[in-house]
Every structure is written in C-alpha cells, then in structure tokens.
Amino acid sequence: MARGPARVFGTLTTYHLAAALDVPAGQLAPVKGGEVLDFGDYTVEVIAAPHNRNRAYSMG
C-alpha cells in the first residue's frame, strides 16, 4: 500500500481549519454531500449530516 500525505475530506470549514494548521492545499478536498469517491478497491458516498450546537454545552 502506498503511503504518503493523507487526503483530508470535509466541509469548507474543515478545509479552512486544516489550511490554517498548515495542511497543504493539495491534501484538502472539500465535499458537500452526494459525491461518490472512487478509490479503486473501495467507494465512499459522502452524505451531508447537518447538526446544531447543543445549547447545554455552548459557551454563549
């Protein structure tokens, strides 16, 4: 199995947070949901999982 820098898939928020932590842009892949990612031996279907903050654990 090939090893190297990991790809990071996530929302635009994930993208910006990872970029702020100096993860190279080439490793970042923003997704929204509905995409089907083919990795040869396996396929991943991205699903959107909207969620809200839990007010009981919020800081404001």
C-alpha atoms as a PDB file:
ATOM      1  CA  MET A   1       0.000   0.000   0.000  1.00  0.00           C
ATOM      2  CA  ALA A   2       1.287   3.427  -0.907  1.00  0.00           C
ATOM      3  CA  ARG A   3       1.915   5.786   1.978  1.00  0.00           C
ATOM      4  CA  GLY A   4       2.260   9.495   1.936  1.00  0.00           C
ATOM      5  CA  PRO A   5       0.432  12.612   2.963  1.00  0.00           C
ATOM      6  CA  ALA A   6      -3.177  11.876   3.888  1.00  0.00           C
ATOM      7  CA  ARG A   7      -6.032  13.459   1.967  1.00  0.00           C
ATOM      8  CA  VAL A   8      -8.487  15.363   4.138  1.00  0.00           C
ATOM      9  CA  PHE A   9     -12.121  15.347   3.006  1.00  0.00           C
ATOM     10  CA  GLY A  10     -14.648  17.584   4.734  1.00  0.00           C
ATOM     11  CA  THR A  11     -16.754  20.713   4.635  1.00  0.00           C
ATOM     12  CA  LEU A  12     -15.382  24.113   3.698  1.00  0.00           C
ATOM     13  CA  THR A  13     -14.994  24.722   7.426  1.00  0.00           C
ATOM     14  CA  THR A  14     -12.790  21.635   7.633  1.00  0.00           C
ATOM     15  CA  TYR A  15     -10.839  22.898   4.636  1.00  0.00           C
ATOM     16  CA  HIS A  16     -10.193  26.314   6.192  1.00  0.00           C
ATOM     17  CA  LEU A  17      -9.322  24.922   9.623  1.00  0.00           C
ATOM     18  CA  ALA A  18      -6.842  22.459   8.120  1.00  0.00           C
ATOM     19  CA  ALA A  19      -5.338  25.168   5.911  1.00  0.00           C
ATOM     20  CA  ALA A  20      -4.928  27.375   8.996  1.00  0.00           C
ATOM     21  CA  LEU A  21      -2.987  24.484  10.551  1.00  0.00           C
ATOM     22  CA  ASP A  22      -0.649  24.478   7.526  1.00  0.00           C
ATOM     23  CA  VAL A  23      -2.028  21.356   5.847  1.00  0.00           C
ATOM     24  CA  PRO A  24      -1.052  21.799   2.172  1.00  0.00           C
ATOM     25  CA  ALA A  25      -3.974  22.723  -0.093  1.00  0.00           C
ATOM     26  CA  GLY A  26      -3.161  19.735  -2.312  1.00  0.00           C
ATOM     27  CA  GLN A  27      -4.160  17.411   0.526  1.00  0.00           C
ATOM     28  CA  LEU A  28      -7.518  19.113   1.145  1.00  0.00           C
ATOM     29  CA  ALA A  29     -10.720  18.138  -0.641  1.00  0.00           C
ATOM     30  CA  PRO A  30     -13.911  19.987   0.260  1.00  0.00           C
ATOM     31  CA  VAL A  31     -17.121  17.962  -0.137  1.00  0.00           C
ATOM     32  CA  LYS A  32     -20.800  18.867   0.343  1.00  0.00           C
ATOM     33  CA  GLY A  33     -22.626  15.571   0.289  1.00  0.00           C
ATOM     34  CA  GLY A  34     -23.839  13.481  -2.603  1.00  0.00           C
ATOM     35  CA  GLU A  35     -20.376  12.954  -4.061  1.00  0.00           C
ATOM     36  CA  VAL A  36     -19.233   9.419  -4.780  1.00  0.00           C
ATOM     37  CA  LEU A  37     -15.486   8.972  -4.321  1.00  0.00           C
ATOM     38  CA  ASP A  38     -13.879   6.001  -6.058  1.00  0.00           C
ATOM     39  CA  PHE A  39     -10.633   4.786  -4.517  1.00  0.00           C
ATOM     40  CA  GLY A  40     -10.219   1.665  -6.641  1.00  0.00           C
ATOM     41  CA  ASP A  41     -10.727  -1.068  -4.064  1.00  0.00           C
ATOM     42  CA  TYR A  42     -13.500   0.836  -2.327  1.00  0.00           C
ATOM     43  CA  THR A  43     -16.052   3.573  -2.920  1.00  0.00           C
ATOM     44  CA  VAL A  44     -17.253   6.202  -0.466  1.00  0.00           C
ATOM     45  CA  GLU A  45     -20.544   8.051  -0.800  1.00  0.00           C
ATOM     46  CA  VAL A  46     -20.445  11.380   1.018  1.00  0.00           C
ATOM     47  CA  ILE A  47     -23.572  12.215   2.988  1.00  0.00           C
ATOM     48  CA  ALA A  48     -24.467  15.554   4.498  1.00  0.00           C
ATOM     49  CA  ALA A  49     -25.020  15.364   8.238  1.00  0.00           C
ATOM     50  CA  PRO A  50     -26.330  18.740   9.346  1.00  0.00           C
ATOM     51  CA  HIS A  51     -26.298  19.313  13.068  1.00  0.00           C
ATOM     52  CA  ASN A  52     -26.894  22.106  15.513  1.00  0.00           C
ATOM     53  CA  ARG A  53     -24.982  23.060  18.573  1.00  0.00           C
ATOM     54  CA  ASN A  54     -26.182  21.698  21.875  1.00  0.00           C
ATOM     55  CA  ARG A  55     -27.171  24.750  23.910  1.00  0.00           C
ATOM     56  CA  ALA A  56     -26.409  22.902  27.160  1.00  0.00           C
ATOM     57  CA  TYR A  57     -22.751  22.728  26.120  1.00  0.00           C
ATOM     58  CA  SER A  58     -22.427  26.124  24.439  1.00  0.00           C
ATOM     59  CA  MET A  59     -20.187  28.870  25.713  1.00  0.00           C
ATOM     60  CA  GLY A  60     -22.526  31.713  24.937  1.00  0.00           C
END
